Amino acid sequence: MHWLWVVLIGLIVGALAKFIMPGKDPGGFIVTILLGIAGSVLGTLIGRAVGWYQEGQSAGFIVSLLGALLILAVYHFFRKRTA
């Protein structure tokens, strides 16, 4: 049941990040889920480094969204350079 929630929240976070960040984004349904999950992992790592989260805690919805937006921003930065 835990993995079902991970996929569902990943889909929601990834879709919101794609909606907020302007521009053409890669992939479809699966890439959106992976973007949301990766944003959560990145948000957790940054939150632990800053001191927001302790060991064993994961990022919340807002920090996961910020992590996904950061990933999309990096993608758009490198995409514009190579295009």
Protein backbone atom coordinates (compact mmCIF):
# COMPACT_ATOMS: atom_id res chain seq x y z
CA MET A 1 0.00 0.00 0.00
CA HIS A 2 2.95 2.31 0.68
CA TRP A 3 4.16 2.12 -2.93
CA LEU A 4 0.71 2.98 -4.22
CA TRP A 5 0.81 6.22 -2.21
CA VAL A 6 4.34 6.93 -3.44
CA VAL A 7 3.19 6.61 -7.06
CA LEU A 8 0.01 8.65 -6.50
CA ILE A 9 1.79 11.51 -4.71
CA GLY A 10 4.59 11.35 -7.32
CA LEU A 11 2.01 11.76 -10.07
CA ILE A 12 0.38 14.74 -8.35
CA VAL A 13 3.68 16.46 -7.53
CA GLY A 14 5.09 15.81 -11.02
CA ALA A 15 1.93 17.09 -12.72
CA LEU A 16 1.90 20.26 -10.61
CA ALA A 17 5.58 20.87 -11.34
CA LYS A 18 4.99 20.49 -15.07
CA PHE A 19 1.97 22.82 -14.81
CA ILE A 20 3.90 25.51 -12.91
CA MET A 21 7.13 25.38 -14.95
CA PRO A 22 6.60 26.85 -18.43
CA GLY A 23 7.99 25.14 -21.49
CA LYS A 24 7.89 21.80 -23.24
CA ASP A 25 8.64 18.95 -20.87
CA PRO A 26 9.66 15.40 -21.75
CA GLY A 27 7.67 12.22 -21.34
CA GLY A 28 4.18 11.38 -20.34
CA PHE A 29 2.54 9.59 -17.47
CA ILE A 30 5.52 7.51 -16.27
CA VAL A 31 8.04 10.35 -16.54
CA THR A 32 5.67 12.61 -14.58
CA ILE A 33 5.51 10.05 -11.76
CA LEU A 34 9.29 9.65 -11.77
CA LEU A 35 9.72 13.44 -11.72
CA GLY A 36 7.52 13.69 -8.63
CA ILE A 37 9.34 10.86 -6.85
CA ALA A 38 12.75 12.31 -7.74
CA GLY A 39 11.59 15.72 -6.50
CA SER A 40 10.63 14.17 -3.19
CA VAL A 41 14.01 12.45 -2.87
CA LEU A 42 15.85 15.67 -3.74
CA GLY A 43 13.68 17.66 -1.33
CA THR A 44 14.41 15.15 1.43
CA LEU A 45 18.16 15.33 0.84
CA ILE A 46 18.18 19.13 0.80
CA GLY A 47 15.87 19.30 3.82
CA ARG A 48 18.15 17.02 5.84
CA ALA A 49 21.21 19.04 4.84
CA VAL A 50 19.52 22.27 5.96
CA GLY A 51 18.17 20.71 9.13
CA TRP A 52 14.46 20.66 8.35
CA TYR A 53 14.14 16.87 8.51
CA GLN A 54 15.66 14.27 10.82
CA GLU A 55 16.86 10.82 9.79
CA GLY A 56 13.87 8.69 8.80
CA GLN A 57 11.64 11.63 7.85
CA SER A 58 10.76 12.37 4.26
CA ALA A 59 9.94 15.63 2.56
CA GLY A 60 6.48 17.09 2.68
CA PHE A 61 4.33 18.01 -0.27
CA ILE A 62 5.65 21.57 -0.72
CA VAL A 63 9.32 20.60 -0.48
CA SER A 64 8.73 17.70 -2.88
CA LEU A 65 7.17 20.15 -5.32
CA LEU A 66 10.15 22.51 -4.95
CA GLY A 67 12.51 19.59 -5.60
CA ALA A 68 10.60 18.65 -8.77
CA LEU A 69 10.66 22.28 -9.93
CA LEU A 70 14.41 22.37 -9.35
CA ILE A 71 14.86 19.24 -11.46
CA LEU A 72 12.76 20.75 -14.26
CA ALA A 73 14.71 24.02 -14.08
CA VAL A 74 18.00 22.16 -14.47
CA TYR A 75 16.51 20.18 -17.39
CA HIS A 76 15.36 23.37 -19.14
CA PHE A 77 18.74 25.03 -18.54
CA PHE A 78 20.67 22.20 -20.20
CA ARG A 79 18.08 21.74 -22.94
CA LYS A 80 18.41 25.38 -24.03
CA ARG A 81 22.21 25.09 -24.09
CA THR A 82 22.25 22.06 -26.36
CA ALA A 83 19.42 23.17 -28.67
